[in-house]
Amino acid sequence: MERPDATGSGATVPTRRREVTRERILTSAKELFAQEGFGSVSSRMIASHAGVNVALINRYFGSKAGLLTEILREDGVFPRLITDGPVEELPRRLAEHAVGRLHGEGSTLQRALDHSAGDPDLQAVYQGRLKSAFIEPLIEYLGRENAEVHASLIAAVWLGLGRVRRIEGGEALRGQERTRLTARIQAMLELCLEDFGAPDPDDP
C-alpha cells in the first residue's frame, strides 16, 4: 500500500506519481460511490480499493466530501449544460435535462447519489456546488441586468424539481407526456428570464 510523502527528510514524490495516485483514488471513489452510495462508503474503503494509504485522501482532497466535490467538478453536468449553446436555448436545455432526470436518466453515479440525498455531508457538497457550478456560472453566462435575480429564480425552480424527484420520486410528473412536461418546465424557466421592467409608481 502506498505511503504518504515523506516529510522532514527532503524526499519528494515525483509529480507524475502524485497524479497517478490521485487519479487512482478518484477512480476508486467513483466506482464505490456508484456501487454502494455515498453514505455507505468510508475513506478507508476508498483507500483500500485504490491500494493507497488513507492519509493520501486527506492530503489530496481534504475529506471524503472533498473527494466527491472534485469528482463532480470533473464529471458533473454543470456548468457545461449552462454554457453549451446560445442563451435563448437555455430554458430548453435545462428543461430537457430535468425531465430526463425525472425518468431516471443520468450516470450510474448520479443515480446512486440520489439514494444518498439525505446524507449531511452530501447535502453540504450539493450546497457548495449550487453556488460554484450553477448560480455563479449562470450569472456570468447571462451577463445582463438583474442576472443574480434571474439565476436565483432558475435555481429555485431547479431545486424544487430535484427535491420532488428525490423525496417522492416524481411519480405524478413522470405520468405526464414527456414532451408536454418538458414544454411546461421550459415555460417556467423562460418566465424566470423575463425582464422585470420598471416598477409601477402606483403600486403600493
N, C-alpha and C. Protein backbone atom coordinates (compact mmCIF):
# COMPACT_ATOMS: atom_id res chain seq x y z
N MET A 1 0.86 -1.20 0.00
CA MET A 1 0.00 0.00 0.00
C MET A 1 0.88 1.23 0.00
N GLU A 2 0.52 2.19 -0.84
CA GLU A 2 1.35 3.38 -0.98
C GLU A 2 1.33 4.22 0.28
N ARG A 3 2.48 4.77 0.63
CA ARG A 3 2.61 5.58 1.83
C ARG A 3 2.60 7.06 1.46
N PRO A 4 2.19 7.92 2.42
CA PRO A 4 2.23 9.35 2.14
C PRO A 4 3.65 9.84 1.91
N ASP A 5 3.77 10.99 1.27
CA ASP A 5 5.09 11.58 1.03
C ASP A 5 5.84 11.71 2.35
N ALA A 6 7.11 11.45 2.31
CA ALA A 6 7.93 11.65 3.49
C ALA A 6 8.05 13.13 3.77
N THR A 7 8.09 13.51 5.03
CA THR A 7 8.24 14.92 5.39
C THR A 7 9.45 15.06 6.30
N GLY A 8 10.13 16.18 6.15
CA GLY A 8 11.27 16.44 7.02
C GLY A 8 12.54 15.75 6.58
N SER A 9 12.50 14.95 5.50
CA SER A 9 13.70 14.24 5.10
C SER A 9 14.21 14.69 3.74
N GLY A 10 13.51 15.66 3.15
CA GLY A 10 13.92 16.14 1.84
C GLY A 10 13.42 15.27 0.71
N ALA A 11 12.75 14.15 1.03
CA ALA A 11 12.24 13.26 -0.01
C ALA A 11 10.97 13.82 -0.61
N THR A 12 10.81 13.68 -1.89
CA THR A 12 9.59 14.13 -2.58
C THR A 12 9.12 13.03 -3.52
N VAL A 13 7.81 13.03 -3.76
CA VAL A 13 7.25 12.10 -4.72
C VAL A 13 7.15 12.82 -6.06
N PRO A 14 7.67 12.24 -7.13
CA PRO A 14 7.61 12.92 -8.43
C PRO A 14 6.18 13.29 -8.79
N THR A 15 6.06 14.38 -9.53
CA THR A 15 4.74 14.89 -9.88
C THR A 15 3.90 13.83 -10.59
N ARG A 16 4.50 13.09 -11.51
CA ARG A 16 3.75 12.08 -12.25
C ARG A 16 3.18 11.03 -11.31
N ARG A 17 3.95 10.61 -10.32
CA ARG A 17 3.46 9.60 -9.39
C ARG A 17 2.29 10.14 -8.58
N ARG A 18 2.36 11.41 -8.18
CA ARG A 18 1.25 12.01 -7.45
C ARG A 18 0.00 12.04 -8.30
N GLU A 19 0.16 12.39 -9.58
CA GLU A 19 -1.00 12.45 -10.48
C GLU A 19 -1.64 11.07 -10.66
N VAL A 20 -0.81 10.04 -10.79
CA VAL A 20 -1.33 8.69 -10.95
C VAL A 20 -2.07 8.25 -9.69
N THR A 21 -1.50 8.54 -8.53
CA THR A 21 -2.14 8.18 -7.26
C THR A 21 -3.46 8.91 -7.09
N ARG A 22 -3.45 10.18 -7.40
CA ARG A 22 -4.67 10.99 -7.28
C ARG A 22 -5.77 10.44 -8.19
N GLU A 23 -5.41 10.09 -9.42
CA GLU A 23 -6.40 9.56 -10.36
C GLU A 23 -6.92 8.20 -9.91
N ARG A 24 -6.04 7.41 -9.30
CA ARG A 24 -6.47 6.10 -8.80
C ARG A 24 -7.49 6.25 -7.68
N ILE A 25 -7.27 7.23 -6.82
CA ILE A 25 -8.22 7.50 -5.73
C ILE A 25 -9.57 7.95 -6.30
N LEU A 26 -9.53 8.86 -7.29
CA LEU A 26 -10.77 9.35 -7.89
C LEU A 26 -11.54 8.21 -8.57
N THR A 27 -10.83 7.36 -9.28
CA THR A 27 -11.48 6.24 -9.97
C THR A 27 -12.13 5.29 -8.97
N SER A 28 -11.41 4.97 -7.90
CA SER A 28 -11.96 4.07 -6.89
C SER A 28 -13.17 4.68 -6.21
N ALA A 29 -13.10 5.97 -5.90
CA ALA A 29 -14.22 6.63 -5.24
C ALA A 29 -15.46 6.63 -6.14
N LYS A 30 -15.29 6.93 -7.42
CA LYS A 30 -16.42 6.92 -8.34
C LYS A 30 -17.07 5.54 -8.41
N GLU A 31 -16.24 4.51 -8.48
CA GLU A 31 -16.77 3.15 -8.56
C GLU A 31 -17.54 2.78 -7.28
N LEU A 32 -16.96 3.10 -6.13
CA LEU A 32 -17.59 2.73 -4.86
C LEU A 32 -18.85 3.56 -4.60
N PHE A 33 -18.80 4.85 -4.87
CA PHE A 33 -19.99 5.69 -4.69
C PHE A 33 -21.12 5.18 -5.57
N ALA A 34 -20.80 4.77 -6.81
CA ALA A 34 -21.82 4.29 -7.73
C ALA A 34 -22.39 2.95 -7.27
N GLN A 35 -21.55 2.10 -6.70
CA GLN A 35 -21.99 0.76 -6.30
C GLN A 35 -22.69 0.76 -4.95
N GLU A 36 -22.15 1.52 -3.99
CA GLU A 36 -22.61 1.42 -2.60
C GLU A 36 -23.41 2.63 -2.13
N GLY A 37 -23.29 3.76 -2.83
CA GLY A 37 -23.88 5.00 -2.34
C GLY A 37 -22.89 5.78 -1.51
N PHE A 38 -23.04 7.09 -1.50
CA PHE A 38 -22.07 7.95 -0.82
C PHE A 38 -21.98 7.65 0.67
N GLY A 39 -23.13 7.52 1.33
CA GLY A 39 -23.13 7.35 2.77
C GLY A 39 -22.54 6.05 3.25
N SER A 40 -22.54 5.02 2.40
CA SER A 40 -22.07 3.69 2.81
C SER A 40 -20.57 3.50 2.60
N VAL A 41 -19.95 4.46 1.97
CA VAL A 41 -18.53 4.32 1.61
C VAL A 41 -17.68 5.20 2.54
N SER A 42 -16.66 4.61 3.13
CA SER A 42 -15.75 5.35 4.01
C SER A 42 -14.46 5.66 3.27
N SER A 43 -13.70 6.59 3.82
CA SER A 43 -12.40 6.91 3.24
C SER A 43 -11.49 5.70 3.26
N ARG A 44 -11.58 4.87 4.29
CA ARG A 44 -10.75 3.66 4.37
C ARG A 44 -11.11 2.67 3.26
N MET A 45 -12.40 2.56 2.95
CA MET A 45 -12.82 1.68 1.86
C MET A 45 -12.24 2.17 0.53
N ILE A 46 -12.28 3.48 0.31
CA ILE A 46 -11.74 4.04 -0.92
C ILE A 46 -10.23 3.80 -1.00
N ALA A 47 -9.53 4.04 0.12
CA ALA A 47 -8.08 3.85 0.15
C ALA A 47 -7.72 2.40 -0.13
N SER A 48 -8.45 1.47 0.49
CA SER A 48 -8.18 0.06 0.28
C SER A 48 -8.42 -0.33 -1.17
N HIS A 49 -9.51 0.16 -1.75
CA HIS A 49 -9.82 -0.14 -3.14
C HIS A 49 -8.76 0.40 -4.08
N ALA A 50 -8.24 1.59 -3.76
CA ALA A 50 -7.23 2.23 -4.61
C ALA A 50 -5.83 1.72 -4.33
N GLY A 51 -5.64 0.99 -3.21
CA GLY A 51 -4.32 0.49 -2.85
C GLY A 51 -3.38 1.57 -2.36
N VAL A 52 -3.94 2.54 -1.61
CA VAL A 52 -3.12 3.64 -1.09
C VAL A 52 -3.37 3.80 0.40
N ASN A 53 -2.52 4.56 1.05
CA ASN A 53 -2.71 4.89 2.45
C ASN A 53 -3.86 5.88 2.58
N VAL A 54 -4.74 5.68 3.58
CA VAL A 54 -5.90 6.54 3.74
C VAL A 54 -5.50 8.00 3.94
N ALA A 55 -4.30 8.24 4.47
CA ALA A 55 -3.85 9.62 4.68
C ALA A 55 -3.76 10.40 3.38
N LEU A 56 -3.57 9.69 2.26
CA LEU A 56 -3.45 10.38 0.98
C LEU A 56 -4.78 11.00 0.54
N ILE A 57 -5.90 10.44 0.97
CA ILE A 57 -7.18 11.04 0.62
C ILE A 57 -7.30 12.41 1.25
N ASN A 58 -6.95 12.51 2.53
CA ASN A 58 -6.98 13.82 3.20
C ASN A 58 -5.94 14.76 2.60
N ARG A 59 -4.80 14.21 2.21
CA ARG A 59 -3.73 15.05 1.66
C ARG A 59 -4.15 15.67 0.34
N TYR A 60 -4.75 14.87 -0.53
CA TYR A 60 -5.09 15.36 -1.86
C TYR A 60 -6.45 16.03 -1.94
N PHE A 61 -7.41 15.60 -1.08
CA PHE A 61 -8.78 16.07 -1.23
C PHE A 61 -9.38 16.66 0.04
N GLY A 62 -8.73 16.52 1.17
CA GLY A 62 -9.20 17.10 2.41
C GLY A 62 -10.15 16.21 3.18
N SER A 63 -11.03 15.48 2.49
CA SER A 63 -12.01 14.63 3.13
C SER A 63 -12.75 13.83 2.06
N LYS A 64 -13.63 12.93 2.48
CA LYS A 64 -14.46 12.21 1.52
C LYS A 64 -15.37 13.18 0.76
N ALA A 65 -15.90 14.18 1.46
CA ALA A 65 -16.74 15.18 0.80
C ALA A 65 -15.93 15.97 -0.22
N GLY A 66 -14.69 16.30 0.12
CA GLY A 66 -13.83 17.00 -0.83
C GLY A 66 -13.53 16.16 -2.05
N LEU A 67 -13.41 14.86 -1.84
CA LEU A 67 -13.19 13.94 -2.95
C LEU A 67 -14.40 13.93 -3.89
N LEU A 68 -15.60 13.89 -3.32
CA LEU A 68 -16.80 13.93 -4.15
C LEU A 68 -16.92 15.27 -4.88
N THR A 69 -16.58 16.35 -4.20
CA THR A 69 -16.61 17.67 -4.85
C THR A 69 -15.74 17.68 -6.09
N GLU A 70 -14.57 17.07 -6.00
CA GLU A 70 -13.66 17.02 -7.14
C GLU A 70 -14.21 16.13 -8.25
N ILE A 71 -14.83 15.01 -7.89
CA ILE A 71 -15.45 14.14 -8.89
C ILE A 71 -16.53 14.89 -9.65
N LEU A 72 -17.38 15.61 -8.93
CA LEU A 72 -18.45 16.36 -9.56
C LEU A 72 -17.90 17.51 -10.40
N ARG A 73 -16.81 18.10 -9.95
CA ARG A 73 -16.20 19.18 -10.74
C ARG A 73 -15.70 18.65 -12.07
N GLU A 74 -15.13 17.45 -12.07
CA GLU A 74 -14.57 16.89 -13.29
C GLU A 74 -15.63 16.24 -14.18
N ASP A 75 -16.61 15.55 -13.56
CA ASP A 75 -17.56 14.75 -14.33
C ASP A 75 -18.98 15.28 -14.32
N GLY A 76 -19.28 16.26 -13.48
CA GLY A 76 -20.65 16.73 -13.35
C GLY A 76 -21.14 17.45 -14.61
N VAL A 77 -22.44 17.46 -14.79
CA VAL A 77 -23.03 18.06 -15.98
C VAL A 77 -22.98 19.59 -15.93
N PHE A 78 -22.93 20.15 -14.74
CA PHE A 78 -22.84 21.61 -14.61
C PHE A 78 -21.40 22.00 -14.34
N PRO A 79 -20.95 23.19 -14.84
CA PRO A 79 -21.73 24.23 -15.56
C PRO A 79 -21.81 24.03 -17.08
N ARG A 80 -21.30 22.88 -17.57
CA ARG A 80 -21.27 22.65 -19.03
C ARG A 80 -22.66 22.77 -19.66
N LEU A 81 -23.67 22.25 -18.99
CA LEU A 81 -25.02 22.29 -19.54
C LEU A 81 -25.50 23.72 -19.73
N ILE A 82 -25.07 24.61 -18.85
CA ILE A 82 -25.49 26.02 -18.94
C ILE A 82 -24.88 26.67 -20.17
N THR A 83 -23.60 26.47 -20.39
CA THR A 83 -22.87 27.22 -21.42
C THR A 83 -22.85 26.55 -22.78
N ASP A 84 -23.37 25.33 -22.89
CA ASP A 84 -23.27 24.57 -24.13
C ASP A 84 -24.37 24.93 -25.12
N GLY A 85 -24.38 26.18 -25.56
CA GLY A 85 -25.37 26.62 -26.54
C GLY A 85 -25.77 28.06 -26.29
N PRO A 86 -26.58 28.64 -27.20
CA PRO A 86 -26.99 30.04 -27.04
C PRO A 86 -27.92 30.23 -25.86
N VAL A 87 -27.93 31.44 -25.32
CA VAL A 87 -28.69 31.73 -24.12
C VAL A 87 -30.19 31.55 -24.34
N GLU A 88 -30.67 31.83 -25.55
CA GLU A 88 -32.11 31.69 -25.80
C GLU A 88 -32.57 30.23 -25.74
N GLU A 89 -31.64 29.29 -25.85
CA GLU A 89 -31.99 27.87 -25.76
C GLU A 89 -31.75 27.29 -24.36
N LEU A 90 -31.30 28.14 -23.44
CA LEU A 90 -31.01 27.66 -22.09
C LEU A 90 -32.22 27.02 -21.41
N PRO A 91 -33.42 27.64 -21.44
CA PRO A 91 -34.57 27.00 -20.79
C PRO A 91 -34.87 25.61 -21.34
N ARG A 92 -34.73 25.44 -22.65
CA ARG A 92 -34.99 24.12 -23.23
C ARG A 92 -33.96 23.10 -22.77
N ARG A 93 -32.69 23.51 -22.74
CA ARG A 93 -31.64 22.57 -22.29
C ARG A 93 -31.89 22.13 -20.86
N LEU A 94 -32.20 23.10 -20.00
CA LEU A 94 -32.42 22.77 -18.59
C LEU A 94 -33.69 21.93 -18.41
N ALA A 95 -34.73 22.26 -19.17
CA ALA A 95 -35.99 21.51 -19.06
C ALA A 95 -35.81 20.07 -19.51
N GLU A 96 -35.13 19.86 -20.62
CA GLU A 96 -34.90 18.50 -21.12
C GLU A 96 -34.08 17.69 -20.13
N HIS A 97 -33.08 18.33 -19.53
CA HIS A 97 -32.26 17.62 -18.55
C HIS A 97 -33.08 17.26 -17.31
N ALA A 98 -33.90 18.20 -16.86
CA ALA A 98 -34.72 17.95 -15.67
C ALA A 98 -35.68 16.79 -15.89
N VAL A 99 -36.32 16.75 -17.06
CA VAL A 99 -37.26 15.67 -17.35
C VAL A 99 -36.52 14.34 -17.48
N GLY A 100 -35.34 14.38 -18.07
CA GLY A 100 -34.54 13.17 -18.16
C GLY A 100 -34.21 12.60 -16.79
N ARG A 101 -33.87 13.47 -15.86
CA ARG A 101 -33.56 13.02 -14.50
C ARG A 101 -34.80 12.47 -13.81
N LEU A 102 -35.97 13.09 -14.08
CA LEU A 102 -37.22 12.56 -13.52
C LEU A 102 -37.48 11.13 -13.99
N HIS A 103 -37.01 10.82 -15.19
CA HIS A 103 -37.21 9.49 -15.76
C HIS A 103 -36.03 8.56 -15.48
N GLY A 104 -35.19 8.93 -14.53
CA GLY A 104 -34.11 8.04 -14.11
C GLY A 104 -32.89 8.05 -14.99
N GLU A 105 -32.81 9.01 -15.90
CA GLU A 105 -31.64 9.10 -16.75
C GLU A 105 -30.50 9.77 -15.99
N GLY A 106 -29.31 9.64 -16.52
CA GLY A 106 -28.14 10.15 -15.83
C GLY A 106 -27.15 9.02 -15.61
N SER A 107 -25.98 9.38 -15.13
CA SER A 107 -24.94 8.38 -14.92
C SER A 107 -25.29 7.48 -13.74
N THR A 108 -24.60 6.35 -13.65
CA THR A 108 -24.77 5.46 -12.51
C THR A 108 -24.45 6.18 -11.21
N LEU A 109 -23.43 7.03 -11.24
CA LEU A 109 -23.05 7.78 -10.05
C LEU A 109 -24.17 8.74 -9.65
N GLN A 110 -24.75 9.46 -10.61
CA GLN A 110 -25.83 10.39 -10.30
C GLN A 110 -27.01 9.68 -9.65
N ARG A 111 -27.37 8.53 -10.18
CA ARG A 111 -28.50 7.79 -9.62
C ARG A 111 -28.18 7.28 -8.22
N ALA A 112 -26.94 6.86 -8.00
CA ALA A 112 -26.54 6.39 -6.68
C ALA A 112 -26.56 7.53 -5.67
N LEU A 113 -26.14 8.71 -6.08
CA LEU A 113 -26.14 9.86 -5.18
C LEU A 113 -27.55 10.26 -4.81
N ASP A 114 -28.51 10.07 -5.71
CA ASP A 114 -29.91 10.37 -5.39
C ASP A 114 -30.37 9.55 -4.19
N HIS A 115 -29.89 8.32 -4.09
CA HIS A 115 -30.30 7.45 -2.98
C HIS A 115 -29.63 7.85 -1.66
N SER A 116 -28.59 8.67 -1.74
CA SER A 116 -27.88 9.12 -0.53
C SER A 116 -28.19 10.57 -0.22
N ALA A 117 -29.26 11.11 -0.81
CA ALA A 117 -29.53 12.55 -0.74
C ALA A 117 -29.68 13.07 0.68
N GLY A 118 -30.07 12.22 1.62
CA GLY A 118 -30.25 12.68 2.99
C GLY A 118 -28.97 12.79 3.79
N ASP A 119 -27.86 12.35 3.25
CA ASP A 119 -26.59 12.40 3.97
C ASP A 119 -26.14 13.86 4.16
N PRO A 120 -25.85 14.29 5.40
CA PRO A 120 -25.48 15.70 5.64
C PRO A 120 -24.25 16.13 4.86
N ASP A 121 -23.25 15.25 4.75
CA ASP A 121 -22.04 15.60 4.00
C ASP A 121 -22.36 15.80 2.52
N LEU A 122 -23.22 14.94 2.00
CA LEU A 122 -23.61 15.07 0.60
C LEU A 122 -24.39 16.36 0.38
N GLN A 123 -25.28 16.71 1.31
CA GLN A 123 -26.03 17.94 1.19
C GLN A 123 -25.10 19.15 1.20
N ALA A 124 -24.06 19.09 2.03
CA ALA A 124 -23.10 20.19 2.07
C ALA A 124 -22.37 20.32 0.74
N VAL A 125 -22.02 19.19 0.13
CA VAL A 125 -21.37 19.23 -1.18
C VAL A 125 -22.31 19.84 -2.21
N TYR A 126 -23.57 19.43 -2.20
CA TYR A 126 -24.54 19.96 -3.15
C TYR A 126 -24.75 21.46 -2.96
N GLN A 127 -24.76 21.91 -1.72
CA GLN A 127 -24.93 23.34 -1.46
C GLN A 127 -23.77 24.14 -2.05
N GLY A 128 -22.57 23.62 -1.87
CA GLY A 128 -21.41 24.28 -2.45
C GLY A 128 -21.45 24.27 -3.97
N ARG A 129 -21.88 23.15 -4.55
CA ARG A 129 -21.98 23.03 -5.99
C ARG A 129 -23.05 23.96 -6.56
N LEU A 130 -24.14 24.15 -5.83
CA LEU A 130 -25.21 25.03 -6.31
C LEU A 130 -24.66 26.42 -6.61
N LYS A 131 -23.80 26.90 -5.74
CA LYS A 131 -23.24 28.24 -5.94
C LYS A 131 -22.14 28.24 -6.99
N SER A 132 -21.18 27.31 -6.86
CA SER A 132 -19.99 27.36 -7.71
C SER A 132 -20.21 26.83 -9.12
N ALA A 133 -21.12 25.86 -9.28
CA ALA A 133 -21.28 25.22 -10.59
C ALA A 133 -22.59 25.58 -11.27
N PHE A 134 -23.51 26.25 -10.54
CA PHE A 134 -24.80 26.57 -11.14
C PHE A 134 -25.05 28.08 -11.12
N ILE A 135 -25.20 28.65 -9.93
CA ILE A 135 -25.60 30.06 -9.86
C ILE A 135 -24.52 30.99 -10.40
N GLU A 136 -23.27 30.84 -9.96
CA GLU A 136 -22.22 31.75 -10.41
C GLU A 136 -21.97 31.65 -11.91
N PRO A 137 -21.84 30.43 -12.50
CA PRO A 137 -21.69 30.35 -13.95
C PRO A 137 -22.90 30.89 -14.70
N LEU A 138 -24.09 30.71 -14.13
CA LEU A 138 -25.30 31.19 -14.78
C LEU A 138 -25.32 32.72 -14.80
N ILE A 139 -24.92 33.34 -13.70
CA ILE A 139 -24.86 34.81 -13.65
C ILE A 139 -23.89 35.33 -14.72
N GLU A 140 -22.72 34.70 -14.80
CA GLU A 140 -21.72 35.13 -15.79
C GLU A 140 -22.23 34.90 -17.21
N TYR A 141 -22.89 33.76 -17.42
CA TYR A 141 -23.40 33.41 -18.74
C TYR A 141 -24.49 34.37 -19.20
N LEU A 142 -25.37 34.74 -18.28
CA LEU A 142 -26.46 35.66 -18.65
C LEU A 142 -25.91 37.05 -18.94
N GLY A 143 -24.98 37.52 -18.08
CA GLY A 143 -24.31 38.78 -18.31
C GLY A 143 -25.24 39.94 -18.59
N ARG A 144 -26.27 40.09 -17.78
CA ARG A 144 -27.28 41.11 -18.03
C ARG A 144 -27.71 41.74 -16.72
N GLU A 145 -28.52 42.77 -16.83
CA GLU A 145 -29.05 43.41 -15.63
C GLU A 145 -29.90 42.40 -14.85
N ASN A 146 -29.77 42.47 -13.54
CA ASN A 146 -30.51 41.56 -12.66
C ASN A 146 -30.19 40.08 -12.89
N ALA A 147 -28.97 39.81 -13.40
CA ALA A 147 -28.59 38.42 -13.67
C ALA A 147 -28.66 37.57 -12.40
N GLU A 148 -28.31 38.18 -11.25
CA GLU A 148 -28.35 37.43 -9.98
C GLU A 148 -29.77 36.99 -9.64
N VAL A 149 -30.73 37.88 -9.90
CA VAL A 149 -32.13 37.56 -9.61
C VAL A 149 -32.62 36.45 -10.54
N HIS A 150 -32.32 36.58 -11.84
CA HIS A 150 -32.75 35.57 -12.80
C HIS A 150 -32.13 34.21 -12.47
N ALA A 151 -30.84 34.22 -12.12
CA ALA A 151 -30.16 32.97 -11.78
C ALA A 151 -30.77 32.34 -10.54
N SER A 152 -31.12 33.14 -9.56
CA SER A 152 -31.72 32.62 -8.34
C SER A 152 -33.10 32.04 -8.60
N LEU A 153 -33.88 32.69 -9.46
CA LEU A 153 -35.20 32.16 -9.80
C LEU A 153 -35.08 30.80 -10.51
N ILE A 154 -34.16 30.71 -11.46
CA ILE A 154 -33.95 29.44 -12.15
C ILE A 154 -33.51 28.37 -11.17
N ALA A 155 -32.60 28.73 -10.26
CA ALA A 155 -32.14 27.77 -9.26
C ALA A 155 -33.29 27.29 -8.37
N ALA A 156 -34.21 28.20 -8.05
CA ALA A 156 -35.36 27.82 -7.20
C ALA A 156 -36.23 26.78 -7.90
N VAL A 157 -36.50 26.99 -9.20
CA VAL A 157 -37.29 26.01 -9.96
C VAL A 157 -36.53 24.69 -10.04
N TRP A 158 -35.25 24.79 -10.33
CA TRP A 158 -34.42 23.59 -10.49
C TRP A 158 -34.35 22.78 -9.19
N LEU A 159 -34.14 23.48 -8.09
CA LEU A 159 -34.07 22.80 -6.79
C LEU A 159 -35.39 22.15 -6.44
N GLY A 160 -36.49 22.84 -6.75
CA GLY A 160 -37.80 22.27 -6.46
C GLY A 160 -38.03 20.97 -7.20
N LEU A 161 -37.67 20.94 -8.48
CA LEU A 161 -37.83 19.72 -9.26
C LEU A 161 -36.96 18.60 -8.71
N GLY A 162 -35.73 18.94 -8.37
CA GLY A 162 -34.83 17.92 -7.83
C GLY A 162 -35.30 17.39 -6.50
N ARG A 163 -35.84 18.27 -5.68
CA ARG A 163 -36.31 17.83 -4.35
C ARG A 163 -37.53 16.91 -4.48
N VAL A 164 -38.44 17.25 -5.36
CA VAL A 164 -39.59 16.38 -5.59
C VAL A 164 -39.12 15.01 -6.08
N ARG A 165 -38.17 15.00 -6.99
CA ARG A 165 -37.66 13.74 -7.52
C ARG A 165 -37.03 12.88 -6.44
N ARG A 166 -36.25 13.50 -5.58
CA ARG A 166 -35.53 12.72 -4.57
C ARG A 166 -36.42 12.29 -3.42
N ILE A 167 -37.40 13.11 -3.05
CA ILE A 167 -38.21 12.79 -1.87
C ILE A 167 -39.35 11.83 -2.19
N GLU A 168 -40.09 12.11 -3.27
CA GLU A 168 -41.25 11.25 -3.53
C GLU A 168 -41.22 10.58 -4.91
N GLY A 169 -40.09 10.76 -5.61
CA GLY A 169 -39.90 10.03 -6.85
C GLY A 169 -40.43 10.70 -8.10
N GLY A 170 -41.20 11.78 -7.94
CA GLY A 170 -41.73 12.48 -9.11
C GLY A 170 -42.71 11.66 -9.92
N GLU A 171 -43.43 10.75 -9.25
CA GLU A 171 -44.33 9.84 -9.96
C GLU A 171 -45.41 10.59 -10.74
N ALA A 172 -46.00 11.61 -10.13
CA ALA A 172 -47.06 12.36 -10.82
C ALA A 172 -46.52 13.07 -12.05
N LEU A 173 -45.30 13.62 -11.94
CA LEU A 173 -44.70 14.31 -13.07
C LEU A 173 -44.35 13.33 -14.18
N ARG A 174 -43.84 12.17 -13.82
CA ARG A 174 -43.50 11.16 -14.82
C ARG A 174 -44.74 10.64 -15.54
N GLY A 175 -45.88 10.76 -14.91
CA GLY A 175 -47.12 10.30 -15.53
C GLY A 175 -47.59 11.18 -16.67
N GLN A 176 -47.01 12.37 -16.78
CA GLN A 176 -47.38 13.27 -17.87
C GLN A 176 -46.59 12.93 -19.14
N GLU A 177 -47.19 13.23 -20.28
CA GLU A 177 -46.49 13.00 -21.54
C GLU A 177 -45.22 13.84 -21.55
N ARG A 178 -44.12 13.21 -21.94
CA ARG A 178 -42.79 13.81 -21.75
C ARG A 178 -42.63 15.15 -22.48
N THR A 179 -43.08 15.22 -23.71
CA THR A 179 -42.91 16.45 -24.48
C THR A 179 -43.69 17.60 -23.84
N ARG A 180 -44.90 17.32 -23.39
CA ARG A 180 -45.71 18.36 -22.76
C ARG A 180 -45.11 18.81 -21.43
N LEU A 181 -44.59 17.86 -20.67
CA LEU A 181 -43.97 18.22 -19.39
C LEU A 181 -42.73 19.08 -19.63
N THR A 182 -41.92 18.69 -20.62
CA THR A 182 -40.73 19.48 -20.95
C THR A 182 -41.12 20.91 -21.33
N ALA A 183 -42.17 21.03 -22.14
CA ALA A 183 -42.62 22.36 -22.57
C ALA A 183 -43.10 23.20 -21.40
N ARG A 184 -43.77 22.56 -20.43
CA ARG A 184 -44.26 23.30 -19.27
C ARG A 184 -43.10 23.80 -18.40
N ILE A 185 -42.12 22.94 -18.16
CA ILE A 185 -40.96 23.35 -17.38
C ILE A 185 -40.17 24.41 -18.12
N GLN A 186 -40.04 24.27 -19.43
CA GLN A 186 -39.34 25.27 -20.23
C GLN A 186 -40.03 26.62 -20.10
N ALA A 187 -41.37 26.63 -20.13
CA ALA A 187 -42.11 27.89 -19.99
C ALA A 187 -41.85 28.54 -18.63
N MET A 188 -41.76 27.72 -17.58
CA MET A 188 -41.47 28.25 -16.25
C MET A 188 -40.08 28.90 -16.22
N LEU A 189 -39.12 28.24 -16.84
CA LEU A 189 -37.76 28.76 -16.86
C LEU A 189 -37.65 30.01 -17.73
N GLU A 190 -38.40 30.05 -18.82
CA GLU A 190 -38.41 31.25 -19.66
C GLU A 190 -38.98 32.43 -18.88
N LEU A 191 -39.99 32.18 -18.07
CA LEU A 191 -40.56 33.24 -17.24
C LEU A 191 -39.53 33.77 -16.25
N CYS A 192 -38.69 32.88 -15.74
CA CYS A 192 -37.63 33.30 -14.81
C CYS A 192 -36.64 34.25 -15.48
N LEU A 193 -36.53 34.18 -16.81
CA LEU A 193 -35.57 35.00 -17.53
C LEU A 193 -36.17 36.31 -18.06
N GLU A 194 -37.48 36.46 -17.92
CA GLU A 194 -38.11 37.68 -18.43
C GLU A 194 -37.66 38.89 -17.63
N ASP A 195 -37.50 40.02 -18.33
CA ASP A 195 -37.13 41.27 -17.66
C ASP A 195 -38.25 41.69 -16.71
N PHE A 196 -37.84 42.32 -15.62
CA PHE A 196 -38.82 42.78 -14.65
C PHE A 196 -39.46 44.10 -15.05
N GLY A 197 -38.71 44.88 -15.85
CA GLY A 197 -39.23 46.17 -16.26
C GLY A 197 -39.18 47.18 -15.11
N ALA A 198 -39.56 48.40 -15.43
CA ALA A 198 -39.54 49.46 -14.41
C ALA A 198 -40.68 49.23 -13.40
N PRO A 199 -40.44 49.51 -12.13
CA PRO A 199 -41.51 49.34 -11.13
C PRO A 199 -42.66 50.31 -11.39
N ASP A 200 -43.84 49.86 -11.07
CA ASP A 200 -45.04 50.69 -11.23
C ASP A 200 -45.09 51.71 -10.09
N PRO A 201 -45.02 53.01 -10.39
CA PRO A 201 -45.02 54.01 -9.30
C PRO A 201 -46.30 54.03 -8.51
N ASP A 202 -47.39 53.52 -9.10
CA ASP A 202 -48.68 53.49 -8.42
C ASP A 202 -48.89 52.22 -7.58
N ASP A 203 -47.91 51.29 -7.71
CA ASP A 203 -48.04 50.03 -6.95
C ASP A 203 -47.64 50.29 -5.52
N PRO A 204 -48.54 50.05 -4.54
CA PRO A 204 -48.19 50.39 -3.15
C PRO A 204 -47.11 49.46 -2.60
